[in-house]
């Protein structure tokens, strides 16, 4: 489930899955493709991506709060994350101030990134 959620969040944030030289590559929203050369490979013309695009992993949003704030939170209006004494984590996110907030709670362990991701998933599915 977290891997599926991670890919769903990545697509929502503007990441694109491409196939380049028979490899699956996730392109970031800030990748500038205008300067990438077109080359022939096995009879097909493909865009030659820089090496960093092939070696850069997709951010692990469900476990990395920093990645969430870099790529996901800028698309939201307001975010609130609360950790309680019982190690439960709650996240409330607003995409549009005129709509109801999306709320998610993760029980039993301290997981602010996962709670935030689940709340954002509700925004995506709404």
PDB file of N, CA and C in Angstrom:
ATOM      1  N   UNK A   1       0.810  -1.211   0.000  1.00  0.00           N
ATOM      2  CA  UNK A   1       0.000   0.000   0.000  1.00  0.00           C
ATOM      3  C   UNK A   1       0.848   1.268   0.000  1.00  0.00           C
ATOM      4  N   UNK A   2       1.873   1.401   0.879  1.00  0.00           N
ATOM      5  CA  UNK A   2       2.642   2.648   0.841  1.00  0.00           C
ATOM      6  C   UNK A   2       3.298   2.910  -0.522  1.00  0.00           C
ATOM      7  N   UNK A   3       3.726   1.865  -1.235  1.00  0.00           N
ATOM      8  CA  UNK A   3       4.345   2.078  -2.542  1.00  0.00           C
ATOM      9  C   UNK A   3       3.320   2.612  -3.545  1.00  0.00           C
ATOM     10  N   UNK A   4       2.098   2.068  -3.521  1.00  0.00           N
ATOM     11  CA  UNK A   4       1.041   2.569  -4.399  1.00  0.00           C
ATOM     12  C   UNK A   4       0.689   4.004  -4.037  1.00  0.00           C
ATOM     13  N   UNK A   5       0.599   4.275  -2.734  1.00  0.00           N
ATOM     14  CA  UNK A   5       0.302   5.632  -2.279  1.00  0.00           C
ATOM     15  C   UNK A   5       1.424   6.583  -2.691  1.00  0.00           C
ATOM     16  N   UNK A   6       2.652   6.143  -2.566  1.00  0.00           N
ATOM     17  CA  UNK A   6       3.795   6.966  -2.929  1.00  0.00           C
ATOM     18  C   UNK A   6       3.746   7.349  -4.411  1.00  0.00           C
ATOM     19  N   UNK A   7       3.435   6.392  -5.278  1.00  0.00           N
ATOM     20  CA  UNK A   7       3.335   6.688  -6.716  1.00  0.00           C
ATOM     21  C   UNK A   7       2.157   7.620  -7.009  1.00  0.00           C
ATOM     22  N   UNK A   8       1.052   7.418  -6.312  1.00  0.00           N
ATOM     23  CA  UNK A   8      -0.122   8.281  -6.490  1.00  0.00           C
ATOM     24  C   UNK A   8       0.217   9.721  -6.109  1.00  0.00           C
ATOM     25  N   UNK A   9       0.911   9.891  -4.996  1.00  0.00           N
ATOM     26  CA  UNK A   9       1.319  11.223  -4.550  1.00  0.00           C
ATOM     27  C   UNK A   9       2.315  11.841  -5.522  1.00  0.00           C
ATOM     28  N   UNK A  10       3.235  11.029  -6.028  1.00  0.00           N
ATOM     29  CA  UNK A  10       4.231  11.529  -6.977  1.00  0.00           C
ATOM     30  C   UNK A  10       3.556  12.068  -8.235  1.00  0.00           C
ATOM     31  N   UNK A  11       2.598  11.337  -8.760  1.00  0.00           N
ATOM     32  CA  UNK A  11       1.879  11.798  -9.959  1.00  0.00           C
ATOM     33  C   UNK A  11       1.121  13.091  -9.667  1.00  0.00           C
ATOM     34  N   UNK A  12       0.509  13.166  -8.478  1.00  0.00           N
ATOM     35  CA  UNK A  12      -0.231  14.371  -8.096  1.00  0.00           C
ATOM     36  C   UNK A  12       0.710  15.569  -7.993  1.00  0.00           C
ATOM     37  N   UNK A  13       1.938  15.330  -7.548  1.00  0.00           N
ATOM     38  CA  UNK A  13       2.923  16.399  -7.392  1.00  0.00           C
ATOM     39  C   UNK A  13       3.552  16.806  -8.721  1.00  0.00           C
ATOM     40  N   UNK A  14       3.314  16.034  -9.780  1.00  0.00           N
ATOM     41  CA  UNK A  14       3.840  16.390 -11.093  1.00  0.00           C
ATOM     42  C   UNK A  14       4.984  15.521 -11.583  1.00  0.00           C
ATOM     43  N   UNK A  15       5.326  14.466 -10.836  1.00  0.00           N
ATOM     44  CA  UNK A  15       6.347  13.532 -11.316  1.00  0.00           C
ATOM     45  C   UNK A  15       5.757  12.717 -12.467  1.00  0.00           C
ATOM     46  N   UNK A  16       6.599  12.332 -13.423  1.00  0.00           N
ATOM     47  CA  UNK A  16       6.150  11.535 -14.565  1.00  0.00           C
ATOM     48  C   UNK A  16       7.008  10.301 -14.689  1.00  0.00           C
ATOM     49  N   UNK A  17       6.342   9.175 -14.925  1.00  0.00           N
ATOM     50  CA  UNK A  17       7.061   7.929 -15.162  1.00  0.00           C
ATOM     51  C   UNK A  17       7.305   7.801 -16.656  1.00  0.00           C
ATOM     52  N   UNK A  18       8.566   7.646 -17.030  1.00  0.00           N
ATOM     53  CA  UNK A  18       8.950   7.493 -18.426  1.00  0.00           C
ATOM     54  C   UNK A  18       9.788   6.237 -18.579  1.00  0.00           C
ATOM     55  N   UNK A  19       9.846   5.733 -19.792  1.00  0.00           N
ATOM     56  CA  UNK A  19      10.728   4.614 -20.105  1.00  0.00           C
ATOM     57  C   UNK A  19      11.812   5.148 -21.026  1.00  0.00           C
ATOM     58  N   UNK A  20      13.048   4.963 -20.633  1.00  0.00           N
ATOM     59  CA  UNK A  20      14.165   5.486 -21.394  1.00  0.00           C
ATOM     60  C   UNK A  20      15.234   4.407 -21.462  1.00  0.00           C
ATOM     61  N   UNK A  21      15.559   3.999 -22.664  1.00  0.00           N
ATOM     62  CA  UNK A  21      16.533   2.918 -22.865  1.00  0.00           C
ATOM     63  C   UNK A  21      16.117   1.685 -22.056  1.00  0.00           C
ATOM     64  N   UNK A  22      14.831   1.369 -22.155  1.00  0.00           N
ATOM     65  CA  UNK A  22      14.228   0.194 -21.503  1.00  0.00           C
ATOM     66  C   UNK A  22      14.299   0.237 -19.980  1.00  0.00           C
ATOM     67  N   UNK A  23      14.439   1.420 -19.441  1.00  0.00           N
ATOM     68  CA  UNK A  23      14.454   1.583 -17.989  1.00  0.00           C
ATOM     69  C   UNK A  23      13.307   2.492 -17.595  1.00  0.00           C
ATOM     70  N   UNK A  24      12.718   2.202 -16.444  1.00  0.00           N
ATOM     71  CA  UNK A  24      11.669   3.054 -15.908  1.00  0.00           C
ATOM     72  C   UNK A  24      12.329   4.172 -15.108  1.00  0.00           C
ATOM     73  N   UNK A  25      11.988   5.405 -15.440  1.00  0.00           N
ATOM     74  CA  UNK A  25      12.579   6.569 -14.801  1.00  0.00           C
ATOM     75  C   UNK A  25      11.471   7.508 -14.364  1.00  0.00           C
ATOM     76  N   UNK A  26      11.579   8.040 -13.154  1.00  0.00           N
ATOM     77  CA  UNK A  26      10.634   9.050 -12.670  1.00  0.00           C
ATOM     78  C   UNK A  26      11.259  10.422 -12.879  1.00  0.00           C
ATOM     79  N   UNK A  27      10.618  11.255 -13.676  1.00  0.00           N
ATOM     80  CA  UNK A  27      11.092  12.614 -13.917  1.00  0.00           C
ATOM     81  C   UNK A  27      10.428  13.569 -12.930  1.00  0.00           C
ATOM     82  N   UNK A  28      11.208  14.465 -12.382  1.00  0.00           N
ATOM     83  CA  UNK A  28      10.701  15.437 -11.425  1.00  0.00           C
ATOM     84  C   UNK A  28      10.024  16.589 -12.159  1.00  0.00           C
ATOM     85  N   UNK A  29       9.132  17.299 -11.487  1.00  0.00           N
ATOM     86  CA  UNK A  29       8.466  18.437 -12.140  1.00  0.00           C
ATOM     87  C   UNK A  29       9.433  19.535 -12.571  1.00  0.00           C
ATOM     88  N   UNK A  30      10.581  19.630 -11.923  1.00  0.00           N
ATOM     89  CA  UNK A  30      11.517  20.698 -12.277  1.00  0.00           C
ATOM     90  C   UNK A  30      12.600  20.256 -13.252  1.00  0.00           C
ATOM     91  N   UNK A  31      12.494  19.067 -13.819  1.00  0.00           N
ATOM     92  CA  UNK A  31      13.457  18.626 -14.831  1.00  0.00           C
ATOM     93  C   UNK A  31      13.234  19.416 -16.118  1.00  0.00           C
ATOM     94  N   UNK A  32      14.298  19.944 -16.680  1.00  0.00           N
ATOM     95  CA  UNK A  32      14.212  20.719 -17.916  1.00  0.00           C
ATOM     96  C   UNK A  32      14.603  19.822 -19.089  1.00  0.00           C
ATOM     97  N   UNK A  33      13.613  19.393 -19.835  1.00  0.00           N
ATOM     98  CA  UNK A  33      13.850  18.464 -20.936  1.00  0.00           C
ATOM     99  C   UNK A  33      14.224  19.171 -22.233  1.00  0.00           C
ATOM    100  N   UNK A  34      14.148  20.479 -22.267  1.00  0.00           N
ATOM    101  CA  UNK A  34      14.369  21.193 -23.518  1.00  0.00           C
ATOM    102  C   UNK A  34      15.798  21.049 -24.046  1.00  0.00           C
ATOM    103  N   UNK A  35      16.754  20.760 -23.181  1.00  0.00           N
ATOM    104  CA  UNK A  35      18.139  20.641 -23.620  1.00  0.00           C
ATOM    105  C   UNK A  35      18.603  19.198 -23.748  1.00  0.00           C
ATOM    106  N   UNK A  36      17.718  18.238 -23.579  1.00  0.00           N
ATOM    107  CA  UNK A  36      18.106  16.836 -23.681  1.00  0.00           C
ATOM    108  C   UNK A  36      18.143  16.420 -25.151  1.00  0.00           C
ATOM    109  N   UNK A  37      19.232  15.813 -25.597  1.00  0.00           N
ATOM    110  CA  UNK A  37      19.339  15.445 -27.011  1.00  0.00           C
ATOM    111  C   UNK A  37      18.460  14.235 -27.364  1.00  0.00           C
ATOM    112  N   UNK A  38      18.081  14.153 -28.625  1.00  0.00           N
ATOM    113  CA  UNK A  38      17.354  12.996 -29.147  1.00  0.00           C
ATOM    114  C   UNK A  38      18.388  12.070 -29.781  1.00  0.00           C
ATOM    115  N   UNK A  39      18.362  10.798 -29.423  1.00  0.00           N
ATOM    116  CA  UNK A  39      19.325   9.832 -29.970  1.00  0.00           C
ATOM    117  C   UNK A  39      18.578   8.605 -30.480  1.00  0.00           C
ATOM    118  N   UNK A  40      19.243   7.863 -31.359  1.00  0.00           N
ATOM    119  CA  UNK A  40      18.660   6.626 -31.873  1.00  0.00           C
ATOM    120  C   UNK A  40      19.151   5.460 -31.012  1.00  0.00           C
ATOM    121  N   UNK A  41      18.222   4.598 -30.617  1.00  0.00           N
ATOM    122  CA  UNK A  41      18.554   3.438 -29.793  1.00  0.00           C
ATOM    123  C   UNK A  41      17.708   2.268 -30.264  1.00  0.00           C
ATOM    124  N   UNK A  42      18.344   1.224 -30.797  1.00  0.00           N
ATOM    125  CA  UNK A  42      17.632   0.050 -31.313  1.00  0.00           C
ATOM    126  C   UNK A  42      16.531   0.427 -32.302  1.00  0.00           C
ATOM    127  N   UNK A  43      16.828   1.352 -33.202  1.00  0.00           N
ATOM    128  CA  UNK A  43      15.865   1.728 -34.225  1.00  0.00           C
ATOM    129  C   UNK A  43      14.806   2.710 -33.763  1.00  0.00           C
ATOM    130  N   UNK A  44      14.810   3.094 -32.495  1.00  0.00           N
ATOM    131  CA  UNK A  44      13.839   4.055 -31.988  1.00  0.00           C
ATOM    132  C   UNK A  44      14.560   5.348 -31.651  1.00  0.00           C
ATOM    133  N   UNK A  45      13.864   6.451 -31.821  1.00  0.00           N
ATOM    134  CA  UNK A  45      14.423   7.730 -31.414  1.00  0.00           C
ATOM    135  C   UNK A  45      13.894   8.038 -30.023  1.00  0.00           C
ATOM    136  N   UNK A  46      14.799   8.226 -29.102  1.00  0.00           N
ATOM    137  CA  UNK A  46      14.412   8.495 -27.711  1.00  0.00           C
ATOM    138  C   UNK A  46      15.175   9.712 -27.211  1.00  0.00           C
ATOM    139  N   UNK A  47      14.619  10.321 -26.182  1.00  0.00           N
ATOM    140  CA  UNK A  47      15.283  11.442 -25.532  1.00  0.00           C
ATOM    141  C   UNK A  47      16.348  10.893 -24.604  1.00  0.00           C
ATOM    142  N   UNK A  48      17.550  11.384 -24.758  1.00  0.00           N
ATOM    143  CA  UNK A  48      18.627  10.939 -23.880  1.00  0.00           C
ATOM    144  C   UNK A  48      18.579  11.773 -22.602  1.00  0.00           C
ATOM    145  N   UNK A  49      18.150  11.129 -21.526  1.00  0.00           N
ATOM    146  CA  UNK A  49      18.055  11.821 -20.251  1.00  0.00           C
ATOM    147  C   UNK A  49      19.426  11.876 -19.587  1.00  0.00           C
ATOM    148  N   UNK A  50      19.662  12.902 -18.807  1.00  0.00           N
ATOM    149  CA  UNK A  50      20.935  12.944 -18.093  1.00  0.00           C
ATOM    150  C   UNK A  50      21.034  11.789 -17.096  1.00  0.00           C
ATOM    151  N   UNK A  51      22.242  11.423 -16.769  1.00  0.00           N
ATOM    152  CA  UNK A  51      22.477  10.299 -15.867  1.00  0.00           C
ATOM    153  C   UNK A  51      21.761  10.490 -14.538  1.00  0.00           C
ATOM    154  N   UNK A  52      21.680  11.724 -14.049  1.00  0.00           N
ATOM    155  CA  UNK A  52      21.047  11.952 -12.748  1.00  0.00           C
ATOM    156  C   UNK A  52      19.574  11.557 -12.766  1.00  0.00           C
ATOM    157  N   UNK A  53      18.903  11.667 -13.905  1.00  0.00           N
ATOM    158  CA  UNK A  53      17.504  11.270 -13.977  1.00  0.00           C
ATOM    159  C   UNK A  53      17.358   9.756 -13.828  1.00  0.00           C
ATOM    160  N   UNK A  54      18.355   9.004 -14.271  1.00  0.00           N
ATOM    161  CA  UNK A  54      18.298   7.550 -14.164  1.00  0.00           C
ATOM    162  C   UNK A  54      18.630   7.059 -12.764  1.00  0.00           C
ATOM    163  N   UNK A  55      19.426   7.799 -12.038  1.00  0.00           N
ATOM    164  CA  UNK A  55      19.905   7.323 -10.741  1.00  0.00           C
ATOM    165  C   UNK A  55      19.165   7.927  -9.563  1.00  0.00           C
ATOM    166  N   UNK A  56      18.350   8.916  -9.800  1.00  0.00           N
ATOM    167  CA  UNK A  56      17.638   9.603  -8.720  1.00  0.00           C
ATOM    168  C   UNK A  56      16.373   8.825  -8.365  1.00  0.00           C
ATOM    169  N   UNK A  57      16.255   8.361  -7.127  1.00  0.00           N
ATOM    170  CA  UNK A  57      15.050   7.605  -6.762  1.00  0.00           C
ATOM    171  C   UNK A  57      13.849   8.526  -6.546  1.00  0.00           C
ATOM    172  N   UNK A  58      12.682   7.954  -6.646  1.00  0.00           N
ATOM    173  CA  UNK A  58      11.457   8.678  -6.335  1.00  0.00           C
ATOM    174  C   UNK A  58      11.454   8.983  -4.839  1.00  0.00           C
ATOM    175  N   UNK A  59      11.082  10.198  -4.434  1.00  0.00           N
ATOM    176  CA  UNK A  59      11.039  10.488  -3.000  1.00  0.00           C
ATOM    177  C   UNK A  59      10.106   9.517  -2.261  1.00  0.00           C
ATOM    178  N   UNK A  60      10.472   9.178  -1.052  1.00  0.00           N
ATOM    179  CA  UNK A  60       9.661   8.279  -0.226  1.00  0.00           C
ATOM    180  C   UNK A  60       8.744   9.131   0.648  1.00  0.00           C
ATOM    181  N   UNK A  61       7.668   9.615   0.049  1.00  0.00           N
ATOM    182  CA  UNK A  61       6.789  10.553   0.733  1.00  0.00           C
ATOM    183  C   UNK A  61       6.230  10.004   2.039  1.00  0.00           C
ATOM    184  N   UNK A  62       5.883   8.731   2.072  1.00  0.00           N
ATOM    185  CA  UNK A  62       5.225   8.147   3.245  1.00  0.00           C
ATOM    186  C   UNK A  62       6.140   8.087   4.470  1.00  0.00           C
ATOM    187  N   UNK A  63       7.445   8.207   4.265  1.00  0.00           N
ATOM    188  CA  UNK A  63       8.389   8.134   5.378  1.00  0.00           C
ATOM    189  C   UNK A  63       9.260   9.374   5.526  1.00  0.00           C
ATOM    190  N   UNK A  64       9.157  10.317   4.612  1.00  0.00           N
ATOM    191  CA  UNK A  64      10.063  11.466   4.603  1.00  0.00           C
ATOM    192  C   UNK A  64       9.265  12.767   4.603  1.00  0.00           C
ATOM    193  N   UNK A  65       9.158  13.365   5.786  1.00  0.00           N
ATOM    194  CA  UNK A  65       8.397  14.602   5.916  1.00  0.00           C
ATOM    195  C   UNK A  65       9.017  15.732   5.099  1.00  0.00           C
ATOM    196  N   UNK A  66      10.334  15.737   4.979  1.00  0.00           N
ATOM    197  CA  UNK A  66      11.019  16.753   4.183  1.00  0.00           C
ATOM    198  C   UNK A  66      10.588  16.675   2.714  1.00  0.00           C
ATOM    199  N   UNK A  67      10.488  15.467   2.165  1.00  0.00           N
ATOM    200  CA  UNK A  67      10.033  15.299   0.779  1.00  0.00           C
ATOM    201  C   UNK A  67       8.592  15.782   0.631  1.00  0.00           C
ATOM    202  N   UNK A  68       7.771  15.515   1.629  1.00  0.00           N
ATOM    203  CA  UNK A  68       6.383  15.983   1.590  1.00  0.00           C
ATOM    204  C   UNK A  68       6.321  17.498   1.509  1.00  0.00           C
ATOM    205  N   UNK A  69       7.138  18.173   2.349  1.00  0.00           N
ATOM    206  CA  UNK A  69       7.109  19.630   2.356  1.00  0.00           C
ATOM    207  C   UNK A  69       7.768  20.221   1.107  1.00  0.00           C
ATOM    208  N   UNK A  70       8.654  19.488   0.477  1.00  0.00           N
ATOM    209  CA  UNK A  70       9.285  19.972  -0.751  1.00  0.00           C
ATOM    210  C   UNK A  70       8.340  19.870  -1.945  1.00  0.00           C
ATOM    211  N   UNK A  71       7.648  18.742  -2.090  1.00  0.00           N
ATOM    212  CA  UNK A  71       6.899  18.469  -3.313  1.00  0.00           C
ATOM    213  C   UNK A  71       5.384  18.515  -3.163  1.00  0.00           C
ATOM    214  N   UNK A  72       4.828  18.185  -1.993  1.00  0.00           N
ATOM    215  CA  UNK A  72       3.377  18.063  -1.844  1.00  0.00           C
ATOM    216  C   UNK A  72       2.721  19.282  -1.208  1.00  0.00           C
ATOM    217  N   UNK A  73       3.282  19.747  -0.115  1.00  0.00           N
ATOM    218  CA  UNK A  73       2.659  20.826   0.659  1.00  0.00           C
ATOM    219  C   UNK A  73       2.484  22.113  -0.153  1.00  0.00           C
ATOM    220  N   UNK A  74       3.406  22.481  -1.051  1.00  0.00           N
ATOM    221  CA  UNK A  74       3.172  23.708  -1.827  1.00  0.00           C
ATOM    222  C   UNK A  74       1.875  23.706  -2.644  1.00  0.00           C
ATOM    223  N   UNK A  75       1.285  22.554  -2.890  1.00  0.00           N
ATOM    224  CA  UNK A  75       0.028  22.488  -3.637  1.00  0.00           C
ATOM    225  C   UNK A  75      -1.193  22.649  -2.727  1.00  0.00           C
ATOM    226  N   UNK A  76      -0.952  22.805  -1.424  1.00  0.00           N
ATOM    227  CA  UNK A  76      -2.027  22.919  -0.443  1.00  0.00           C
ATOM    228  C   UNK A  76      -2.088  24.339   0.096  1.00  0.00           C
ATOM    229  N   UNK A  77      -3.229  24.668   0.719  1.00  0.00           N
ATOM    230  CA  UNK A  77      -3.404  25.982   1.308  1.00  0.00           C
ATOM    231  C   UNK A  77      -2.944  25.992   2.763  1.00  0.00           C
ATOM    232  N   UNK A  78      -3.279  24.930   3.508  1.00  0.00           N
ATOM    233  CA  UNK A  78      -2.950  24.873   4.932  1.00  0.00           C
ATOM    234  C   UNK A  78      -2.729  23.422   5.343  1.00  0.00           C
ATOM    235  N   UNK A  79      -1.792  23.203   6.265  1.00  0.00           N
ATOM    236  CA  UNK A  79      -1.482  21.865   6.768  1.00  0.00           C
ATOM    237  C   UNK A  79      -1.341  21.947   8.276  1.00  0.00           C
ATOM    238  N   UNK A  80      -1.921  20.959   8.957  1.00  0.00           N
ATOM    239  CA  UNK A  80      -1.770  20.875  10.410  1.00  0.00           C
ATOM    240  C   UNK A  80      -1.461  19.426  10.756  1.00  0.00           C
ATOM    241  N   UNK A  81      -0.369  19.204  11.486  1.00  0.00           N
ATOM    242  CA  UNK A  81       0.010  17.858  11.918  1.00  0.00           C
ATOM    243  C   UNK A  81       0.108  17.878  13.433  1.00  0.00           C
ATOM    244  N   UNK A  82      -0.548  16.911  14.076  1.00  0.00           N
ATOM    245  CA  UNK A  82      -0.562  16.834  15.532  1.00  0.00           C
ATOM    246  C   UNK A  82      -0.170  15.439  15.970  1.00  0.00           C
ATOM    247  N   UNK A  83       0.761  15.352  16.912  1.00  0.00           N
ATOM    248  CA  UNK A  83       1.152  14.071  17.499  1.00  0.00           C
ATOM    249  C   UNK A  83       0.664  14.066  18.943  1.00  0.00           C
ATOM    250  N   UNK A  84      -0.055  13.018  19.328  1.00  0.00           N
ATOM    251  CA  UNK A  84      -0.616  12.950  20.671  1.00  0.00           C
ATOM    252  C   UNK A  84       0.267  12.092  21.571  1.00  0.00           C
ATOM    253  N   UNK A  85      -0.086  12.076  22.864  1.00  0.00           N
ATOM    254  CA  UNK A  85       0.704  11.314  23.843  1.00  0.00           C
ATOM    255  C   UNK A  85       0.678   9.820  23.585  1.00  0.00           C
ATOM    256  N   UNK A  86      -0.368   9.325  22.975  1.00  0.00           N
ATOM    257  CA  UNK A  86      -0.460   7.897  22.690  1.00  0.00           C
ATOM    258  C   UNK A  86       0.254   7.500  21.413  1.00  0.00           C
ATOM    259  N   UNK A  87       1.085   8.366  20.911  1.00  0.00           N
ATOM    260  CA  UNK A  87       1.830   8.156  19.672  1.00  0.00           C
ATOM    261  C   UNK A  87       0.938   8.031  18.448  1.00  0.00           C
ATOM    262  N   UNK A  88      -0.235   8.613  18.515  1.00  0.00           N
ATOM    263  CA  UNK A  88      -1.085   8.715  17.332  1.00  0.00           C
ATOM    264  C   UNK A  88      -0.725  10.017  16.615  1.00  0.00           C
ATOM    265  N   UNK A  89      -0.855  10.006  15.322  1.00  0.00           N
ATOM    266  CA  UNK A  89      -0.559  11.200  14.531  1.00  0.00           C
ATOM    267  C   UNK A  89      -1.781  11.561  13.708  1.00  0.00           C
ATOM    268  N   UNK A  90      -2.142  12.834  13.724  1.00  0.00           N
ATOM    269  CA  UNK A  90      -3.263  13.327  12.941  1.00  0.00           C
ATOM    270  C   UNK A  90      -2.756  14.369  11.953  1.00  0.00           C
ATOM    271  N   UNK A  91      -3.338  14.372  10.781  1.00  0.00           N
ATOM    272  CA  UNK A  91      -3.008  15.400   9.781  1.00  0.00           C
ATOM    273  C   UNK A  91      -4.294  15.941   9.194  1.00  0.00           C
ATOM    274  N   UNK A  92      -4.365  17.247   9.078  1.00  0.00           N
ATOM    275  CA  UNK A  92      -5.501  17.918   8.454  1.00  0.00           C
ATOM    276  C   UNK A  92      -4.928  18.793   7.349  1.00  0.00           C
ATOM    277  N   UNK A  93      -5.445  18.664   6.147  1.00  0.00           N
ATOM    278  CA  UNK A  93      -4.947  19.464   5.023  1.00  0.00           C
ATOM    279  C   UNK A  93      -6.115  20.149   4.319  1.00  0.00           C
ATOM    280  N   UNK A  94      -5.847  21.329   3.805  1.00  0.00           N
ATOM    281  CA  UNK A  94      -6.815  22.100   3.036  1.00  0.00           C
ATOM    282  C   UNK A  94      -6.212  22.361   1.669  1.00  0.00           C
ATOM    283  N   UNK A  95      -6.933  21.985   0.639  1.00  0.00           N
ATOM    284  CA  UNK A  95      -6.486  22.327  -0.715  1.00  0.00           C
ATOM    285  C   UNK A  95      -7.163  23.608  -1.171  1.00  0.00           C
ATOM    286  N   UNK A  96      -8.378  23.803  -0.707  1.00  0.00           N
ATOM    287  CA  UNK A  96      -9.159  24.985  -1.058  1.00  0.00           C
ATOM    288  C   UNK A  96      -9.845  25.465   0.212  1.00  0.00           C
ATOM    289  N   UNK A  97      -9.659  26.711   0.608  1.00  0.00           N
ATOM    290  CA  UNK A  97     -10.239  27.181   1.866  1.00  0.00           C
ATOM    291  C   UNK A  97     -11.762  27.143   1.905  1.00  0.00           C
ATOM    292  N   UNK A  98     -12.407  27.077   0.749  1.00  0.00           N
ATOM    293  CA  UNK A  98     -13.867  27.048   0.725  1.00  0.00           C
ATOM    294  C   UNK A  98     -14.430  25.635   0.892  1.00  0.00           C
ATOM    295  N   UNK A  99     -13.569  24.619   0.895  1.00  0.00           N
ATOM    296  CA  UNK A  99     -14.026  23.237   1.030  1.00  0.00           C
ATOM    297  C   UNK A  99     -13.710  22.700   2.419  1.00  0.00           C
ATOM    298  N   UNK A 100     -14.343  21.585   2.740  1.00  0.00           N
ATOM    299  CA  UNK A 100     -14.057  20.919   4.007  1.00  0.00           C
ATOM    300  C   UNK A 100     -12.623  20.384   3.977  1.00  0.00           C
ATOM    301  N   UNK A 101     -11.966  20.361   5.136  1.00  0.00           N
ATOM    302  CA  UNK A 101     -10.595  19.823   5.161  1.00  0.00           C
ATOM    303  C   UNK A 101     -10.597  18.307   5.022  1.00  0.00           C
ATOM    304  N   UNK A 102      -9.471  17.761   4.574  1.00  0.00           N
ATOM    305  CA  UNK A 102      -9.271  16.320   4.553  1.00  0.00           C
ATOM    306  C   UNK A 102      -8.511  15.948   5.819  1.00  0.00           C
ATOM    307  N   UNK A 103      -8.959  14.893   6.470  1.00  0.00           N
ATOM    308  CA  UNK A 103      -8.414  14.511   7.769  1.00  0.00           C
ATOM    309  C   UNK A 103      -7.954  13.062   7.703  1.00  0.00           C
ATOM    310  N   UNK A 104      -6.800  12.782   8.274  1.00  0.00           N
ATOM    311  CA  UNK A 104      -6.316  11.403   8.364  1.00  0.00           C
ATOM    312  C   UNK A 104      -5.639  11.222   9.714  1.00  0.00           C
ATOM    313  N   UNK A 105      -5.779  10.041  10.273  1.00  0.00           N
ATOM    314  CA  UNK A 105      -5.162   9.730  11.552  1.00  0.00           C
ATOM    315  C   UNK A 105      -4.473   8.380  11.449  1.00  0.00           C
ATOM    316  N   UNK A 106      -3.258   8.298  11.948  1.00  0.00           N
ATOM    317  CA  UNK A 106      -2.496   7.057  11.971  1.00  0.00           C
ATOM    318  C   UNK A 106      -2.338   6.677  13.429  1.00  0.00           C
ATOM    319  N   UNK A 107      -2.809   5.493  13.809  1.00  0.00           N
ATOM    320  CA  UNK A 107      -2.812   5.071  15.207  1.00  0.00           C
ATOM    321  C   UNK A 107      -1.615   4.188  15.538  1.00  0.00           C
ATOM    322  N   UNK A 108      -1.142   4.301  16.756  1.00  0.00           N
ATOM    323  CA  UNK A 108      -0.210   3.335  17.300  1.00  0.00           C
ATOM    324  C   UNK A 108       1.256   3.636  17.119  1.00  0.00           C
ATOM    325  N   UNK A 109       1.594   4.594  16.295  1.00  0.00           N
ATOM    326  CA  UNK A 109       3.009   4.928  16.139  1.00  0.00           C
ATOM    327  C   UNK A 109       3.128   6.354  15.614  1.00  0.00           C
ATOM    328  N   UNK A 110       4.256   6.924  15.839  1.00  0.00           N
ATOM    329  CA  UNK A 110       4.515   8.293  15.430  1.00  0.00           C
ATOM    330  C   UNK A 110       4.916   8.310  13.957  1.00  0.00           C
ATOM    331  N   UNK A 111       4.008   8.754  13.106  1.00  0.00           N
ATOM    332  CA  UNK A 111       4.267   8.724  11.661  1.00  0.00           C
ATOM    333  C   UNK A 111       3.668   9.960  11.004  1.00  0.00           C
ATOM    334  N   UNK A 112       4.258  11.130  11.227  1.00  0.00           N
ATOM    335  CA  UNK A 112       3.658  12.334  10.648  1.00  0.00           C
ATOM    336  C   UNK A 112       3.645  12.344   9.124  1.00  0.00           C
ATOM    337  N   UNK A 113       4.664  11.794   8.481  1.00  0.00           N
ATOM    338  CA  UNK A 113       4.691  11.790   7.016  1.00  0.00           C
ATOM    339  C   UNK A 113       3.576  10.911   6.463  1.00  0.00           C
ATOM    340  N   UNK A 114       3.370   9.745   7.066  1.00  0.00           N
ATOM    341  CA  UNK A 114       2.319   8.846   6.596  1.00  0.00           C
ATOM    342  C   UNK A 114       0.939   9.458   6.817  1.00  0.00           C
ATOM    343  N   UNK A 115       0.719  10.080   7.969  1.00  0.00           N
ATOM    344  CA  UNK A 115      -0.570  10.727   8.231  1.00  0.00           C
ATOM    345  C   UNK A 115      -0.822  11.839   7.218  1.00  0.00           C
ATOM    346  N   UNK A 116       0.194  12.633   6.939  1.00  0.00           N
ATOM    347  CA  UNK A 116       0.065  13.702   5.950  1.00  0.00           C
ATOM    348  C   UNK A 116      -0.247  13.130   4.578  1.00  0.00           C
ATOM    349  N   UNK A 117       0.432  12.061   4.193  1.00  0.00           N
ATOM    350  CA  UNK A 117       0.198  11.436   2.887  1.00  0.00           C
ATOM    351  C   UNK A 117      -1.223  10.892   2.776  1.00  0.00           C
ATOM    352  N   UNK A 118      -1.718  10.288   3.847  1.00  0.00           N
ATOM    353  CA  UNK A 118      -3.085   9.752   3.804  1.00  0.00           C
ATOM    354  C   UNK A 118      -4.120  10.873   3.715  1.00  0.00           C
ATOM    355  N   UNK A 119      -3.867  11.980   4.384  1.00  0.00           N
ATOM    356  CA  UNK A 119      -4.786  13.124   4.274  1.00  0.00           C
ATOM    357  C   UNK A 119      -4.748  13.706   2.867  1.00  0.00           C
ATOM    358  N   UNK A 120      -3.561  13.806   2.282  1.00  0.00           N
ATOM    359  CA  UNK A 120      -3.451  14.320   0.902  1.00  0.00           C
ATOM    360  C   UNK A 120      -4.117  13.349  -0.070  1.00  0.00           C
ATOM    361  N   UNK A 121      -4.022  12.046   0.197  1.00  0.00           N
ATOM    362  CA  UNK A 121      -4.701  11.074  -0.670  1.00  0.00           C
ATOM    363  C   UNK A 121      -6.210  11.320  -0.689  1.00  0.00           C
ATOM    364  N   UNK A 122      -6.766  11.701   0.448  1.00  0.00           N
ATOM    365  CA  UNK A 122      -8.207  12.014   0.481  1.00  0.00           C
ATOM    366  C   UNK A 122      -8.522  13.242  -0.364  1.00  0.00           C
ATOM    367  N   UNK A 123      -7.613  14.202  -0.388  1.00  0.00           N
ATOM    368  CA  UNK A 123      -7.790  15.372  -1.245  1.00  0.00           C
ATOM    369  C   UNK A 123      -7.768  14.949  -2.715  1.00  0.00           C
ATOM    370  N   UNK A 124      -6.830  14.080  -3.064  1.00  0.00           N
ATOM    371  CA  UNK A 124      -6.715  13.612  -4.448  1.00  0.00           C
ATOM    372  C   UNK A 124      -7.978  12.861  -4.863  1.00  0.00           C
ATOM    373  N   UNK A 125      -8.489  12.007  -3.979  1.00  0.00           N
ATOM    374  CA  UNK A 125      -9.650  11.179  -4.304  1.00  0.00           C
ATOM    375  C   UNK A 125     -10.971  11.936  -4.267  1.00  0.00           C
ATOM    376  N   UNK A 126     -10.960  13.116  -3.657  1.00  0.00           N
ATOM    377  CA  UNK A 126     -12.230  13.877  -3.518  1.00  0.00           C
ATOM    378  C   UNK A 126     -12.682  14.438  -4.846  1.00  0.00           C
TER     379      UNK A 126
END
